[in-house]
Amino acid sequence: MVKVNLDRYFIEKRYDDQFLQFLRNDNFNESQDFILTLKNDGKLDQLYNVTMELKFQCWVNDDKDKRFELADEQLRLLNRIAEQETNWIVYPLYIVANQYFQIAYKTRTSTAGENLLERCGRTIHRSFNLCLNDRNPELPRNRKIGCYLFANLEFQLYRRLENRDMAKNLVKVLQSRVNEIPTLSQSLAALHTKHKVLYNYYMGEYYGCYESDFEKGFTYLQEALLECSVSGSCDTQIDRILVLLVPFALVTRRIYPNFQHTALTTRRSRRVAHHIYTPIIKSLLAGNLKDYDTHFAKHELFFLRNGLFVAMSLLRELVFLKLVKLCWEISGHVTIVPLTTIAMGYVTSLYGTRKRRKKLTIQINDSMLDELECQLANLICKNFVKGYLSHTNRCLVLSKKDPFPHLPHVTQQL
């Protein structure tokens, strides 16, 4: 029988794989004997008893409610113990919090009707605060290095609960303490690439999908993708990153991926690339509103589920911008473009080319020209077009120099 003395971890203020094996609940082994004789006001004894009981329950019993109660008690006890410990306890505390979250998610709702995920969130938030509010003046021993690990757990939990307000409060707390906590690269997350990737992903999702700040969303998601590339892993996370990164890159930088040269590692990545975004990019490059609207309607539920409805709606504006530019090029790069010329292209783009030209001309009326003026004014306001509108003459007057300016320092493809 292998005997593991747990005393030395609390005496030497360190952990190893054997200590983590003790805390985990999915590895009950009768040939392994964990021993704890160190006294700590009963808290260590309680932690030992609860942990061993949880291991046993996970091995022999299918009582989910009891497992949940034991996991909750285990984390609460370790939180109390961690109050008096330095940052060596942070990663073991995360292991316990993470397995508690997994148990809570599988249990979801108790027989009493209580939402166990919410209860789990309150206990994990206590672990987060233990790290965030550590006042240890010795920075190398401060528990603040663990803030991002617990923030990732809370982001996952709030997503399961579909609670945007709690996610927003968490981001506000992190941003308000940015000068007090270590940077991501200086934290414990730096030793575990998946945590850096997760944190950047959740922040990118928050800013892009919840706050419609696509620039910040793009920055965080690009960093997450780079971390995945460096580590050579995180295939599943790459899928989720690309779902958000592609539309954010199109909206903010007007850059797009070349999927033929992009290393797409999973079946879902290939599906997202070829069935979702490739038609969108083709319609954008061609200024084809009909194809864009058709494809948007086909995958509208996908965009809604992933929080991309606003981004994809703004992307339609860029399809229209491309159409205007094509009309200008066909007109011979003139500085004065009649609205009727743009209207002809607009109707063709919106309804296709199969209709007779006579019927297309009939559809061009004052109401349509007023609509086009509104859309063009919006493009001018956003500096997508340099020029002005003449309502009296029903024309668009473009700048002689660079009427369709490019964003600075931006390449065409990701």
Protein backbone atom coordinates (compact mmCIF):
# COMPACT_ATOMS: atom_id res chain seq x y z
CA MET A 1 0.00 0.00 0.00
CA VAL A 2 1.28 3.47 -0.95
CA LYS A 3 1.18 5.88 2.00
CA VAL A 4 1.04 9.62 1.39
CA ASN A 5 1.68 11.88 4.37
CA LEU A 6 -0.31 15.07 3.83
CA ASP A 7 1.30 16.89 6.77
CA ARG A 8 4.39 17.94 4.84
CA TYR A 9 2.43 19.95 2.28
CA PHE A 10 1.05 22.29 4.92
CA ILE A 11 4.40 22.44 6.73
CA GLU A 12 6.55 23.02 3.64
CA LYS A 13 3.92 25.24 1.92
CA ARG A 14 3.98 23.46 -1.41
CA TYR A 15 1.98 20.95 -3.45
CA ASP A 16 2.72 18.19 -5.93
CA ASP A 17 0.74 15.69 -7.99
CA GLN A 18 0.15 13.45 -4.98
CA PHE A 19 -1.52 16.29 -3.09
CA LEU A 20 -3.70 17.08 -6.10
CA GLN A 21 -4.58 13.38 -6.35
CA PHE A 22 -5.76 13.53 -2.77
CA LEU A 23 -8.09 16.44 -3.53
CA ARG A 24 -9.55 14.96 -6.71
CA ASN A 25 -12.72 12.94 -6.38
CA ASP A 26 -12.47 10.63 -9.41
CA ASN A 27 -9.55 8.43 -8.30
CA PHE A 28 -10.60 6.38 -5.28
CA ASN A 29 -7.93 3.72 -4.82
CA GLU A 30 -7.91 1.25 -1.94
CA SER A 31 -4.18 0.63 -2.44
CA GLN A 32 -3.38 4.30 -1.73
CA ASP A 33 -3.52 5.51 1.84
CA PHE A 34 -3.54 9.24 2.61
CA ILE A 35 -2.43 10.11 6.14
CA LEU A 36 -3.03 13.40 7.97
CA THR A 37 -1.96 13.91 11.58
CA LEU A 38 -1.33 17.66 11.60
CA LYS A 39 -3.77 19.63 13.74
CA ASN A 40 -5.28 22.86 12.47
CA ASP A 41 -8.27 23.70 14.68
CA GLY A 42 -10.12 20.76 13.21
CA LYS A 43 -10.32 22.28 9.69
CA LEU A 44 -7.72 19.94 8.23
CA ASP A 45 -9.37 16.93 9.83
CA GLN A 46 -12.72 17.97 8.38
CA LEU A 47 -11.16 18.50 4.95
CA TYR A 48 -9.59 15.04 5.11
CA ASN A 49 -12.84 13.35 6.10
CA VAL A 50 -14.98 15.17 3.52
CA THR A 51 -12.48 14.54 0.73
CA MET A 52 -12.23 10.81 1.44
CA GLU A 53 -16.02 10.54 1.69
CA LEU A 54 -16.41 12.37 -1.63
CA LYS A 55 -13.95 9.98 -3.28
CA PHE A 56 -15.88 7.02 -1.94
CA GLN A 57 -19.26 8.41 -3.00
CA CYS A 58 -18.01 9.09 -6.53
CA TRP A 59 -16.76 5.52 -6.71
CA VAL A 60 -19.64 3.49 -5.33
CA ASN A 61 -22.73 5.67 -5.29
CA ASP A 62 -24.88 7.53 -7.77
CA ASP A 63 -26.39 9.94 -5.26
CA LYS A 64 -25.79 13.22 -7.12
CA ASP A 65 -27.25 15.42 -4.39
CA LYS A 66 -24.95 13.93 -1.76
CA ARG A 67 -21.93 14.34 -4.04
CA PHE A 68 -22.87 17.97 -4.55
CA GLU A 69 -23.14 18.62 -0.80
CA LEU A 70 -19.76 16.98 -0.18
CA ALA A 71 -18.10 18.95 -3.00
CA ASP A 72 -19.59 22.16 -1.63
CA GLU A 73 -18.32 21.38 1.86
CA GLN A 74 -14.87 20.46 0.51
CA LEU A 75 -14.45 23.84 -1.21
CA ARG A 76 -15.81 25.76 1.77
CA LEU A 77 -13.32 24.07 4.08
CA LEU A 78 -10.40 24.65 1.74
CA ASN A 79 -11.45 28.31 1.42
CA ARG A 80 -11.24 28.65 5.20
CA ILE A 81 -7.85 26.95 5.25
CA ALA A 82 -6.59 29.08 2.35
CA GLU A 83 -7.26 32.29 4.31
CA GLN A 84 -4.14 31.55 6.38
CA GLU A 85 -1.99 30.21 3.52
CA THR A 86 0.21 31.83 0.88
CA ASN A 87 -0.14 31.39 -2.86
CA TRP A 88 1.00 27.76 -2.82
CA ILE A 89 -2.60 26.82 -2.03
CA VAL A 90 -4.09 28.63 -5.06
CA TYR A 91 -3.80 25.88 -7.68
CA PRO A 92 -5.06 23.12 -5.34
CA LEU A 93 -7.95 25.45 -4.48
CA TYR A 94 -8.69 25.84 -8.20
CA ILE A 95 -8.68 22.05 -8.67
CA VAL A 96 -11.30 21.68 -5.93
CA ALA A 97 -13.38 24.59 -7.28
CA ASN A 98 -13.28 23.22 -10.82
CA GLN A 99 -14.41 19.73 -9.84
CA TYR A 100 -17.15 21.30 -7.72
CA PHE A 101 -18.34 23.21 -10.78
CA GLN A 102 -18.36 19.98 -12.83
CA ILE A 103 -20.42 18.19 -10.18
CA ALA A 104 -22.83 21.14 -9.89
CA TYR A 105 -23.31 21.28 -13.66
CA LYS A 106 -24.13 17.56 -13.81
CA THR A 107 -26.52 17.89 -10.86
CA ARG A 108 -28.02 21.25 -11.99
CA THR A 109 -31.19 21.35 -9.87
CA SER A 110 -31.81 19.58 -6.59
CA THR A 111 -35.00 17.84 -5.57
CA ALA A 112 -35.85 20.96 -3.53
CA GLY A 113 -35.84 23.02 -6.72
CA GLU A 114 -32.73 25.00 -5.79
CA ASN A 115 -30.49 26.08 -8.65
CA LEU A 116 -27.26 24.42 -7.59
CA LEU A 117 -25.18 26.32 -10.16
CA GLU A 118 -26.06 29.58 -8.41
CA ARG A 119 -25.06 28.12 -5.06
CA CYS A 120 -21.85 26.80 -6.61
CA GLY A 121 -21.14 30.24 -8.01
CA ARG A 122 -21.36 31.87 -4.58
CA THR A 123 -18.81 29.47 -3.11
CA ILE A 124 -16.42 29.82 -6.08
CA HIS A 125 -16.75 33.59 -5.86
CA ARG A 126 -15.49 33.29 -2.29
CA SER A 127 -12.36 31.58 -3.68
CA PHE A 128 -12.00 34.39 -6.21
CA ASN A 129 -12.20 37.01 -3.47
CA LEU A 130 -9.61 35.17 -1.38
CA CYS A 131 -7.18 35.72 -4.22
CA LEU A 132 -8.31 39.20 -5.19
CA ASN A 133 -8.21 40.65 -1.67
CA ASP A 134 -4.98 39.10 -0.41
CA ARG A 135 -2.98 41.84 1.40
CA ASN A 136 0.27 39.90 1.74
CA PRO A 137 3.04 42.51 1.21
CA GLU A 138 5.36 39.80 -0.15
CA LEU A 139 4.20 39.81 -3.77
CA PRO A 140 5.86 36.46 -4.69
CA ARG A 141 3.68 34.82 -2.00
CA ASN A 142 0.49 36.77 -2.74
CA ARG A 143 -2.63 34.83 -3.79
CA LYS A 144 -3.56 37.46 -6.41
CA ILE A 145 -1.74 35.34 -8.98
CA GLY A 146 -4.80 33.07 -9.03
CA CYS A 147 -7.47 35.65 -9.90
CA TYR A 148 -7.69 34.71 -13.58
CA LEU A 149 -8.16 30.99 -12.89
CA PHE A 150 -11.22 31.63 -10.75
CA ALA A 151 -12.46 34.34 -13.11
CA ASN A 152 -12.49 31.74 -15.89
CA LEU A 153 -14.58 29.42 -13.73
CA GLU A 154 -17.03 32.21 -13.00
CA PHE A 155 -17.29 33.11 -16.69
CA GLN A 156 -18.13 29.49 -17.49
CA LEU A 157 -20.69 29.36 -14.73
CA TYR A 158 -22.42 32.61 -15.73
CA ARG A 159 -22.59 31.41 -19.30
CA ARG A 160 -24.37 28.25 -18.15
CA LEU A 161 -26.75 30.39 -16.13
CA GLU A 162 -27.14 32.82 -19.06
CA ASN A 163 -26.53 35.62 -16.59
CA ARG A 164 -24.92 38.55 -18.40
CA ASP A 165 -25.27 40.89 -15.44
CA MET A 166 -23.01 38.75 -13.26
CA ALA A 167 -20.46 38.47 -16.06
CA LYS A 168 -20.56 42.25 -16.43
CA ASN A 169 -19.99 42.73 -12.69
CA LEU A 170 -17.01 40.36 -12.81
CA VAL A 171 -15.41 42.28 -15.67
CA LYS A 172 -15.96 45.57 -13.81
CA VAL A 173 -14.22 44.16 -10.73
CA LEU A 174 -11.25 42.92 -12.77
CA GLN A 175 -10.92 46.22 -14.63
CA SER A 176 -11.19 48.29 -11.44
CA ARG A 177 -8.35 46.31 -9.84
CA VAL A 178 -6.15 46.13 -12.92
CA ASN A 179 -3.35 48.08 -11.19
CA GLU A 180 -3.40 45.75 -8.17
CA ILE A 181 -3.42 42.28 -9.69
CA PRO A 182 -0.65 40.78 -11.84
CA THR A 183 -0.98 40.83 -15.60
CA LEU A 184 -2.11 37.66 -17.31
CA SER A 185 1.46 36.78 -18.28
CA GLN A 186 2.64 37.30 -14.67
CA SER A 187 -0.13 35.25 -13.08
CA LEU A 188 -0.55 31.56 -12.41
CA ALA A 189 -2.44 31.33 -15.71
CA ALA A 190 0.87 31.84 -17.53
CA LEU A 191 1.92 28.35 -16.39
CA HIS A 192 -1.22 26.84 -17.92
CA THR A 193 -1.78 28.00 -21.52
CA LYS A 194 -5.40 26.90 -21.61
CA HIS A 195 -6.22 29.41 -18.87
CA LYS A 196 -4.65 32.29 -20.82
CA VAL A 197 -6.61 31.22 -23.89
CA LEU A 198 -9.85 30.92 -21.90
CA TYR A 199 -9.50 34.29 -20.22
CA ASN A 200 -8.80 36.11 -23.51
CA TYR A 201 -11.68 34.25 -25.13
CA TYR A 202 -14.20 35.14 -22.43
CA MET A 203 -13.10 38.79 -22.39
CA GLY A 204 -13.35 38.90 -26.19
CA GLU A 205 -16.79 37.33 -26.05
CA TYR A 206 -17.90 39.77 -23.36
CA TYR A 207 -16.81 42.93 -25.16
CA GLY A 208 -17.82 41.79 -28.64
CA CYS A 209 -21.08 39.96 -27.93
CA TYR A 210 -22.38 41.74 -24.83
CA GLU A 211 -21.02 45.29 -25.15
CA SER A 212 -20.73 45.46 -28.98
CA ASP A 213 -17.18 46.78 -28.54
CA PHE A 214 -15.85 44.82 -31.50
CA GLU A 215 -12.42 46.43 -31.39
CA LYS A 216 -11.72 45.17 -27.86
CA GLY A 217 -13.35 41.88 -28.69
CA PHE A 218 -11.08 41.46 -31.72
CA THR A 219 -7.96 42.29 -29.66
CA TYR A 220 -8.69 39.73 -26.94
CA LEU A 221 -9.71 36.99 -29.40
CA GLN A 222 -6.65 37.56 -31.58
CA GLU A 223 -4.46 37.13 -28.49
CA ALA A 224 -6.35 33.94 -27.61
CA LEU A 225 -5.79 32.54 -31.10
CA LEU A 226 -2.09 33.36 -30.97
CA GLU A 227 -1.80 31.52 -27.64
CA CYS A 228 -3.47 28.48 -29.22
CA SER A 229 -1.02 28.61 -32.13
CA VAL A 230 1.97 28.79 -29.81
CA SER A 231 0.84 25.88 -27.66
CA GLY A 232 -0.22 23.73 -30.61
CA SER A 233 -3.26 22.54 -28.66
CA CYS A 234 -6.69 23.89 -27.67
CA ASP A 235 -8.35 22.62 -30.86
CA THR A 236 -11.83 22.88 -29.37
CA GLN A 237 -11.17 26.41 -28.18
CA ILE A 238 -9.88 27.41 -31.63
CA ASP A 239 -13.30 26.55 -33.04
CA ARG A 240 -15.03 28.85 -30.57
CA ILE A 241 -12.50 31.62 -31.12
CA LEU A 242 -12.86 31.57 -34.91
CA VAL A 243 -16.65 31.77 -34.69
CA LEU A 244 -16.30 35.21 -33.07
CA LEU A 245 -12.98 36.40 -34.46
CA VAL A 246 -13.92 36.27 -38.15
CA PRO A 247 -16.91 38.67 -37.98
CA PHE A 248 -15.12 40.95 -35.49
CA ALA A 249 -12.13 41.18 -37.85
CA LEU A 250 -14.41 41.99 -40.78
CA VAL A 251 -16.34 44.66 -38.90
CA THR A 252 -13.41 46.41 -37.18
CA ARG A 253 -10.49 45.97 -39.57
CA ARG A 254 -12.13 44.93 -42.82
CA ILE A 255 -9.76 41.98 -43.01
CA TYR A 256 -10.79 38.44 -43.73
CA PRO A 257 -9.22 34.98 -43.46
CA ASN A 258 -8.06 33.04 -46.47
CA PHE A 259 -9.59 29.73 -45.53
CA GLN A 260 -7.66 27.89 -48.25
CA HIS A 261 -4.41 28.71 -46.45
CA THR A 262 -5.68 28.61 -42.88
CA ALA A 263 -4.86 25.50 -40.86
CA LEU A 264 -8.31 24.34 -39.79
CA THR A 265 -7.77 21.40 -37.50
CA THR A 266 -11.24 20.11 -36.73
CA ARG A 267 -14.40 19.19 -38.55
CA ARG A 268 -16.32 21.99 -36.83
CA SER A 269 -13.72 24.54 -37.94
CA ARG A 270 -14.11 23.42 -41.53
CA ARG A 271 -17.90 23.61 -41.23
CA VAL A 272 -17.76 27.12 -39.79
CA ALA A 273 -15.33 28.21 -42.51
CA HIS A 274 -16.98 26.72 -45.56
CA HIS A 275 -20.66 26.71 -44.65
CA ILE A 276 -20.98 29.81 -42.50
CA TYR A 277 -18.33 32.40 -43.34
CA THR A 278 -17.03 31.63 -46.85
CA PRO A 279 -20.38 32.64 -48.47
CA ILE A 280 -20.46 35.76 -46.27
CA ILE A 281 -16.97 36.78 -47.39
CA LYS A 282 -17.81 36.11 -51.05
CA SER A 283 -20.90 38.31 -50.86
CA LEU A 284 -18.81 41.01 -49.15
CA LEU A 285 -16.14 40.98 -51.85
CA ALA A 286 -18.79 41.07 -54.58
CA GLY A 287 -21.06 43.63 -52.90
CA ASN A 288 -23.91 41.13 -53.28
CA LEU A 289 -26.70 42.04 -50.86
CA LYS A 290 -29.03 39.30 -52.05
CA ASP A 291 -26.54 36.51 -51.30
CA TYR A 292 -25.67 38.09 -47.97
CA ASP A 293 -29.31 38.43 -46.88
CA THR A 294 -30.10 34.88 -48.02
CA HIS A 295 -27.17 33.39 -46.15
CA PHE A 296 -27.81 35.54 -43.07
CA ALA A 297 -31.42 34.36 -42.92
CA LYS A 298 -30.32 30.73 -43.34
CA HIS A 299 -27.92 30.90 -40.37
CA GLU A 300 -29.74 33.50 -38.29
CA LEU A 301 -30.20 31.08 -35.38
CA PHE A 302 -26.46 30.32 -35.38
CA PHE A 303 -25.63 34.03 -35.18
CA LEU A 304 -28.18 34.59 -32.40
CA ARG A 305 -26.89 31.68 -30.33
CA ASN A 306 -23.32 32.93 -30.58
CA GLY A 307 -24.14 36.57 -29.81
CA LEU A 308 -23.22 37.74 -33.31
CA PHE A 309 -26.49 39.26 -34.51
CA VAL A 310 -25.32 42.87 -34.07
CA ALA A 311 -21.91 42.22 -35.66
CA MET A 312 -23.44 40.48 -38.65
CA SER A 313 -26.00 43.26 -39.06
CA LEU A 314 -23.18 45.82 -39.18
CA LEU A 315 -21.34 43.64 -41.67
CA ARG A 316 -24.18 44.16 -44.14
CA GLU A 317 -23.19 47.83 -44.13
CA LEU A 318 -19.78 46.84 -45.50
CA VAL A 319 -21.45 44.80 -48.26
CA PHE A 320 -23.32 47.96 -49.25
CA LEU A 321 -20.06 49.94 -49.09
CA LYS A 322 -18.46 47.48 -51.49
CA LEU A 323 -21.43 47.89 -53.82
CA VAL A 324 -21.07 51.68 -53.81
CA LYS A 325 -17.37 51.36 -54.59
CA LEU A 326 -18.11 49.01 -57.50
CA CYS A 327 -20.66 51.50 -58.87
CA TRP A 328 -18.00 54.21 -58.66
CA GLU A 329 -15.47 52.02 -60.48
CA ILE A 330 -17.95 51.13 -63.23
CA SER A 331 -18.72 54.84 -63.65
CA GLY A 332 -15.05 55.48 -64.46
CA HIS A 333 -13.89 56.77 -61.05
CA VAL A 334 -15.81 60.02 -61.49
CA THR A 335 -16.15 62.40 -58.56
CA ILE A 336 -19.90 62.89 -59.04
CA VAL A 337 -21.95 59.71 -59.00
CA PRO A 338 -25.71 60.05 -59.67
CA LEU A 339 -27.85 58.30 -57.07
CA THR A 340 -29.72 56.60 -59.91
CA THR A 341 -26.48 54.83 -60.87
CA ILE A 342 -26.06 53.54 -57.33
CA ALA A 343 -29.77 52.68 -57.23
CA MET A 344 -29.42 50.51 -60.33
CA GLY A 345 -26.58 48.61 -58.72
CA TYR A 346 -28.49 48.44 -55.44
CA VAL A 347 -31.58 46.88 -57.03
CA THR A 348 -29.48 44.42 -59.01
CA SER A 349 -27.53 43.48 -55.89
CA LEU A 350 -30.64 43.19 -53.77
CA TYR A 351 -32.89 41.28 -56.17
CA GLY A 352 -30.47 39.58 -58.55
CA THR A 353 -29.91 40.00 -62.29
CA ARG A 354 -32.69 37.82 -63.66
CA LYS A 355 -35.34 40.54 -63.60
CA ARG A 356 -35.84 42.60 -66.71
CA ARG A 357 -34.07 45.94 -66.85
CA LYS A 358 -37.40 47.73 -67.37
CA LYS A 359 -38.76 46.30 -64.17
CA LEU A 360 -35.61 47.29 -62.30
CA THR A 361 -35.98 50.89 -63.49
CA ILE A 362 -39.56 51.05 -62.29
CA GLN A 363 -38.45 50.20 -58.77
CA ILE A 364 -36.17 53.24 -58.61
CA ASN A 365 -38.30 56.03 -57.12
CA ASP A 366 -37.92 58.91 -54.69
CA SER A 367 -38.52 56.65 -51.72
CA MET A 368 -35.63 54.40 -52.73
CA LEU A 369 -33.33 57.37 -53.38
CA ASP A 370 -34.17 58.76 -49.93
CA GLU A 371 -33.29 55.35 -48.42
CA LEU A 372 -29.99 55.29 -50.30
CA GLU A 373 -29.16 58.81 -49.12
CA CYS A 374 -29.64 57.69 -45.52
CA GLN A 375 -27.35 54.69 -45.99
CA LEU A 376 -24.73 56.77 -47.80
CA ALA A 377 -24.86 59.47 -45.10
CA ASN A 378 -24.14 56.77 -42.53
CA LEU A 379 -21.09 55.60 -44.50
CA ILE A 380 -19.82 59.18 -44.77
CA CYS A 381 -20.37 59.75 -41.05
CA LYS A 382 -18.24 56.67 -40.25
CA ASN A 383 -15.48 57.85 -42.63
CA PHE A 384 -15.98 54.84 -44.87
CA VAL A 385 -16.58 57.30 -47.72
CA LYS A 386 -14.96 60.72 -48.20
CA GLY A 387 -17.42 63.09 -49.78
CA TYR A 388 -20.88 64.59 -49.36
CA LEU A 389 -24.43 64.21 -50.64
CA SER A 390 -26.28 66.71 -52.81
CA HIS A 391 -29.96 66.13 -52.14
CA THR A 392 -31.06 68.73 -54.69
CA ASN A 393 -29.05 67.13 -57.50
CA ARG A 394 -29.55 63.57 -56.20
CA CYS A 395 -25.88 62.67 -56.41
CA LEU A 396 -22.91 61.61 -54.33
CA VAL A 397 -19.90 63.94 -54.60
CA LEU A 398 -16.68 62.07 -53.80
CA SER A 399 -13.26 63.32 -52.80
CA LYS A 400 -10.75 63.32 -55.65
CA LYS A 401 -8.13 61.76 -53.35
CA ASP A 402 -8.85 58.37 -51.79
CA PRO A 403 -12.69 58.52 -51.72
CA PHE A 404 -12.82 55.04 -50.13
CA PRO A 405 -10.08 55.19 -47.49
CA HIS A 406 -8.47 52.06 -46.12
CA LEU A 407 -7.95 51.59 -42.42
CA PRO A 408 -4.30 52.31 -41.52
CA HIS A 409 -1.83 49.48 -40.91
CA VAL A 410 -4.26 46.77 -41.92
CA THR A 411 -3.52 43.89 -44.27
CA GLN A 412 -6.12 42.33 -46.48
CA GLN A 413 -6.14 38.86 -44.95
CA LEU A 414 -5.72 37.33 -41.53
